[in-house]
Amino acid sequence: MTWLPNLVGVDFDFAKKRGGIETIHALGLPGMVAPKTAGEIMANRIASLIQSS
């Protein structure tokens, strides 16, 4: 068990126990596979957060 908080918004233990859902922790995958699209999505989300505050 790790002491780090869940930074990705996924409860991996719950997914496995309740739904039998197999998950992987691949934080860098979007940036490695589709860096332009991942960057656009992040930029759009950050802009919307700034505008709403």
PDB file of N, CA and C in Angstrom:
ATOM      1  N   MET A   1       0.852  -1.179   0.000  1.00  0.00           N
ATOM      2  CA  MET A   1       0.000   0.000   0.000  1.00  0.00           C
ATOM      3  C   MET A   1       0.893   1.236   0.000  1.00  0.00           C
ATOM      4  N   THR A   2       0.492   2.222  -0.745  1.00  0.00           N
ATOM      5  CA  THR A   2       1.273   3.437  -0.842  1.00  0.00           C
ATOM      6  C   THR A   2       0.657   4.542   0.003  1.00  0.00           C
ATOM      7  N   TRP A   3       1.453   5.472   0.426  1.00  0.00           N
ATOM      8  CA  TRP A   3       0.957   6.593   1.217  1.00  0.00           C
ATOM      9  C   TRP A   3       0.571   7.776   0.342  1.00  0.00           C
ATOM     10  N   LEU A   4       0.875   7.701  -0.955  1.00  0.00           N
ATOM     11  CA  LEU A   4       0.539   8.800  -1.850  1.00  0.00           C
ATOM     12  C   LEU A   4      -0.963   8.841  -2.103  1.00  0.00           C
ATOM     13  N   PRO A   5      -1.525  10.036  -2.212  1.00  0.00           N
ATOM     14  CA  PRO A   5      -2.956  10.125  -2.520  1.00  0.00           C
ATOM     15  C   PRO A   5      -3.222   9.698  -3.961  1.00  0.00           C
ATOM     16  N   ASN A   6      -4.445   9.351  -4.240  1.00  0.00           N
ATOM     17  CA  ASN A   6      -4.834   8.976  -5.593  1.00  0.00           C
ATOM     18  C   ASN A   6      -4.904  10.248  -6.434  1.00  0.00           C
ATOM     19  N   LEU A   7      -3.947  10.444  -7.306  1.00  0.00           N
ATOM     20  CA  LEU A   7      -3.857  11.668  -8.072  1.00  0.00           C
ATOM     21  C   LEU A   7      -4.554  11.602  -9.419  1.00  0.00           C
ATOM     22  N   VAL A   8      -5.083  10.466  -9.792  1.00  0.00           N
ATOM     23  CA  VAL A   8      -5.671  10.326 -11.116  1.00  0.00           C
ATOM     24  C   VAL A   8      -7.186  10.225 -11.093  1.00  0.00           C
ATOM     25  N   GLY A   9      -7.790  10.204  -9.934  1.00  0.00           N
ATOM     26  CA  GLY A   9      -9.240  10.156  -9.850  1.00  0.00           C
ATOM     27  C   GLY A   9      -9.842   8.788 -10.103  1.00  0.00           C
ATOM     28  N   VAL A  10      -9.040   7.746 -10.044  1.00  0.00           N
ATOM     29  CA  VAL A  10      -9.534   6.381 -10.268  1.00  0.00           C
ATOM     30  C   VAL A  10      -9.287   5.570  -9.000  1.00  0.00           C
ATOM     31  N   ASP A  11     -10.329   4.915  -8.527  1.00  0.00           N
ATOM     32  CA  ASP A  11     -10.192   4.028  -7.372  1.00  0.00           C
ATOM     33  C   ASP A  11      -9.930   2.626  -7.903  1.00  0.00           C
ATOM     34  N   PHE A  12      -8.652   2.300  -8.054  1.00  0.00           N
ATOM     35  CA  PHE A  12      -8.254   1.034  -8.660  1.00  0.00           C
ATOM     36  C   PHE A  12      -8.724  -0.162  -7.843  1.00  0.00           C
ATOM     37  N   ASP A  13      -8.651  -0.074  -6.521  1.00  0.00           N
ATOM     38  CA  ASP A  13      -9.097  -1.185  -5.670  1.00  0.00           C
ATOM     39  C   ASP A  13     -10.591  -1.436  -5.824  1.00  0.00           C
ATOM     40  N   PHE A  14     -11.379  -0.364  -5.834  1.00  0.00           N
ATOM     41  CA  PHE A  14     -12.826  -0.499  -5.989  1.00  0.00           C
ATOM     42  C   PHE A  14     -13.171  -1.114  -7.344  1.00  0.00           C
ATOM     43  N   ALA A  15     -12.513  -0.649  -8.392  1.00  0.00           N
ATOM     44  CA  ALA A  15     -12.778  -1.179  -9.730  1.00  0.00           C
ATOM     45  C   ALA A  15     -12.533  -2.681  -9.777  1.00  0.00           C
ATOM     46  N   LYS A  16     -11.469  -3.111  -9.140  1.00  0.00           N
ATOM     47  CA  LYS A  16     -11.128  -4.536  -9.155  1.00  0.00           C
ATOM     48  C   LYS A  16     -12.088  -5.353  -8.291  1.00  0.00           C
ATOM     49  N   LYS A  17     -12.374  -4.853  -7.072  1.00  0.00           N
ATOM     50  CA  LYS A  17     -13.201  -5.616  -6.138  1.00  0.00           C
ATOM     51  C   LYS A  17     -14.667  -5.658  -6.548  1.00  0.00           C
ATOM     52  N   ARG A  18     -15.229  -4.523  -6.921  1.00  0.00           N
ATOM     53  CA  ARG A  18     -16.664  -4.447  -7.187  1.00  0.00           C
ATOM     54  C   ARG A  18     -17.046  -4.780  -8.623  1.00  0.00           C
ATOM     55  N   GLY A  19     -16.237  -4.355  -9.553  1.00  0.00           N
ATOM     56  CA  GLY A  19     -16.633  -4.542 -10.932  1.00  0.00           C
ATOM     57  C   GLY A  19     -15.803  -5.548 -11.685  1.00  0.00           C
ATOM     58  N   GLY A  20     -14.746  -6.044 -11.052  1.00  0.00           N
ATOM     59  CA  GLY A  20     -13.857  -6.946 -11.756  1.00  0.00           C
ATOM     60  C   GLY A  20     -13.179  -6.269 -12.944  1.00  0.00           C
ATOM     61  N   ILE A  21     -13.061  -4.950 -12.864  1.00  0.00           N
ATOM     62  CA  ILE A  21     -12.488  -4.184 -13.963  1.00  0.00           C
ATOM     63  C   ILE A  21     -10.977  -4.145 -13.822  1.00  0.00           C
ATOM     64  N   GLU A  22     -10.280  -4.566 -14.854  1.00  0.00           N
ATOM     65  CA  GLU A  22      -8.824  -4.517 -14.842  1.00  0.00           C
ATOM     66  C   GLU A  22      -8.382  -3.119 -15.279  1.00  0.00           C
ATOM     67  N   THR A  23      -7.562  -2.483 -14.480  1.00  0.00           N
ATOM     68  CA  THR A  23      -7.098  -1.133 -14.785  1.00  0.00           C
ATOM     69  C   THR A  23      -5.576  -1.112 -14.861  1.00  0.00           C
ATOM     70  N   ILE A  24      -5.058  -0.126 -15.554  1.00  0.00           N
ATOM     71  CA  ILE A  24      -3.615   0.093 -15.576  1.00  0.00           C
ATOM     72  C   ILE A  24      -3.357   1.545 -15.231  1.00  0.00           C
ATOM     73  N   HIS A  25      -2.231   1.801 -14.624  1.00  0.00           N
ATOM     74  CA  HIS A  25      -1.838   3.141 -14.227  1.00  0.00           C
ATOM     75  C   HIS A  25      -0.843   3.650 -15.269  1.00  0.00           C
ATOM     76  N   ALA A  26      -1.348   4.316 -16.295  1.00  0.00           N
ATOM     77  CA  ALA A  26      -0.518   4.757 -17.412  1.00  0.00           C
ATOM     78  C   ALA A  26      -0.614   6.272 -17.571  1.00  0.00           C
ATOM     79  N   LEU A  27      -0.062   6.990 -16.620  1.00  0.00           N
ATOM     80  CA  LEU A  27      -0.187   8.447 -16.609  1.00  0.00           C
ATOM     81  C   LEU A  27       0.410   9.112 -17.835  1.00  0.00           C
ATOM     82  N   GLY A  28       1.510   8.619 -18.349  1.00  0.00           N
ATOM     83  CA  GLY A  28       2.168   9.258 -19.470  1.00  0.00           C
ATOM     84  C   GLY A  28       1.655   8.812 -20.829  1.00  0.00           C
ATOM     85  N   LEU A  29       0.735   7.866 -20.854  1.00  0.00           N
ATOM     86  CA  LEU A  29       0.285   7.301 -22.117  1.00  0.00           C
ATOM     87  C   LEU A  29      -0.321   8.326 -23.078  1.00  0.00           C
ATOM     88  N   PRO A  30      -1.244   9.194 -22.661  1.00  0.00           N
ATOM     89  CA  PRO A  30      -1.800  10.152 -23.627  1.00  0.00           C
ATOM     90  C   PRO A  30      -0.731  11.038 -24.257  1.00  0.00           C
ATOM     91  N   GLY A  31       0.207  11.498 -23.478  1.00  0.00           N
ATOM     92  CA  GLY A  31       1.261  12.354 -24.010  1.00  0.00           C
ATOM     93  C   GLY A  31       2.220  11.625 -24.931  1.00  0.00           C
ATOM     94  N   MET A  32       2.386  10.330 -24.732  1.00  0.00           N
ATOM     95  CA  MET A  32       3.291   9.556 -25.576  1.00  0.00           C
ATOM     96  C   MET A  32       2.619   9.144 -26.887  1.00  0.00           C
ATOM     97  N   VAL A  33       1.329   8.847 -26.826  1.00  0.00           N
ATOM     98  CA  VAL A  33       0.623   8.342 -27.989  1.00  0.00           C
ATOM     99  C   VAL A  33       0.077   9.473 -28.865  1.00  0.00           C
ATOM    100  N   ALA A  34      -0.481  10.490 -28.244  1.00  0.00           N
ATOM    101  CA  ALA A  34      -1.101  11.594 -28.987  1.00  0.00           C
ATOM    102  C   ALA A  34      -0.774  12.918 -28.292  1.00  0.00           C
ATOM    103  N   PRO A  35       0.476  13.358 -28.347  1.00  0.00           N
ATOM    104  CA  PRO A  35       0.869  14.542 -27.580  1.00  0.00           C
ATOM    105  C   PRO A  35       0.128  15.816 -27.972  1.00  0.00           C
ATOM    106  N   LYS A  36      -0.139  16.008 -29.244  1.00  0.00           N
ATOM    107  CA  LYS A  36      -0.832  17.231 -29.664  1.00  0.00           C
ATOM    108  C   LYS A  36      -2.261  17.256 -29.122  1.00  0.00           C
ATOM    109  N   THR A  37      -2.972  16.151 -29.282  1.00  0.00           N
ATOM    110  CA  THR A  37      -4.348  16.075 -28.786  1.00  0.00           C
ATOM    111  C   THR A  37      -4.388  16.188 -27.267  1.00  0.00           C
ATOM    112  N   ALA A  38      -3.474  15.500 -26.586  1.00  0.00           N
ATOM    113  CA  ALA A  38      -3.432  15.576 -25.124  1.00  0.00           C
ATOM    114  C   ALA A  38      -3.172  17.003 -24.677  1.00  0.00           C
ATOM    115  N   GLY A  39      -2.269  17.697 -25.351  1.00  0.00           N
ATOM    116  CA  GLY A  39      -1.972  19.089 -25.015  1.00  0.00           C
ATOM    117  C   GLY A  39      -3.155  20.007 -25.256  1.00  0.00           C
ATOM    118  N   GLU A  40      -3.872  19.790 -26.357  1.00  0.00           N
ATOM    119  CA  GLU A  40      -5.059  20.603 -26.645  1.00  0.00           C
ATOM    120  C   GLU A  40      -6.144  20.392 -25.595  1.00  0.00           C
ATOM    121  N   ILE A  41      -6.351  19.148 -25.206  1.00  0.00           N
ATOM    122  CA  ILE A  41      -7.362  18.848 -24.186  1.00  0.00           C
ATOM    123  C   ILE A  41      -6.991  19.518 -22.866  1.00  0.00           C
ATOM    124  N   MET A  42      -5.729  19.401 -22.468  1.00  0.00           N
ATOM    125  CA  MET A  42      -5.294  20.033 -21.213  1.00  0.00           C
ATOM    126  C   MET A  42      -5.424  21.547 -21.288  1.00  0.00           C
ATOM    127  N   ALA A  43      -5.024  22.143 -22.402  1.00  0.00           N
ATOM    128  CA  ALA A  43      -5.104  23.600 -22.549  1.00  0.00           C
ATOM    129  C   ALA A  43      -6.553  24.071 -22.480  1.00  0.00           C
ATOM    130  N   ASN A  44      -7.447  23.364 -23.147  1.00  0.00           N
ATOM    131  CA  ASN A  44      -8.863  23.735 -23.109  1.00  0.00           C
ATOM    132  C   ASN A  44      -9.434  23.640 -21.712  1.00  0.00           C
ATOM    133  N   ARG A  45      -9.063  22.585 -21.009  1.00  0.00           N
ATOM    134  CA  ARG A  45      -9.587  22.396 -19.637  1.00  0.00           C
ATOM    135  C   ARG A  45      -9.042  23.473 -18.693  1.00  0.00           C
ATOM    136  N   ILE A  46      -7.773  23.769 -18.798  1.00  0.00           N
ATOM    137  CA  ILE A  46      -7.175  24.797 -17.937  1.00  0.00           C
ATOM    138  C   ILE A  46      -7.809  26.150 -18.234  1.00  0.00           C
ATOM    139  N   ALA A  47      -8.023  26.454 -19.517  1.00  0.00           N
ATOM    140  CA  ALA A  47      -8.661  27.723 -19.884  1.00  0.00           C
ATOM    141  C   ALA A  47     -10.069  27.814 -19.311  1.00  0.00           C
ATOM    142  N   SER A  48     -10.827  26.714 -19.359  1.00  0.00           N
ATOM    143  CA  SER A  48     -12.189  26.751 -18.819  1.00  0.00           C
ATOM    144  C   SER A  48     -12.182  26.901 -17.300  1.00  0.00           C
ATOM    145  N   LEU A  49     -11.194  26.309 -16.637  1.00  0.00           N
ATOM    146  CA  LEU A  49     -11.092  26.470 -15.175  1.00  0.00           C
ATOM    147  C   LEU A  49     -10.763  27.915 -14.814  1.00  0.00           C
ATOM    148  N   ILE A  50      -9.882  28.537 -15.580  1.00  0.00           N
ATOM    149  CA  ILE A  50      -9.508  29.927 -15.316  1.00  0.00           C
ATOM    150  C   ILE A  50     -10.708  30.845 -15.549  1.00  0.00           C
ATOM    151  N   GLN A  51     -11.450  30.621 -16.627  1.00  0.00           N
ATOM    152  CA  GLN A  51     -12.606  31.453 -16.931  1.00  0.00           C
ATOM    153  C   GLN A  51     -13.712  31.310 -15.908  1.00  0.00           C
ATOM    154  N   SER A  52     -13.871  30.132 -15.333  1.00  0.00           N
ATOM    155  CA  SER A  52     -14.947  29.915 -14.368  1.00  0.00           C
ATOM    156  C   SER A  52     -14.611  30.412 -12.969  1.00  0.00           C
ATOM    157  N   SER A  53     -13.341  30.753 -12.735  1.00  0.00           N
ATOM    158  CA  SER A  53     -12.983  31.211 -11.370  1.00  0.00           C
ATOM    159  C   SER A  53     -13.029  32.700 -11.243  1.00  0.00           C
TER     160      SER A  53
END
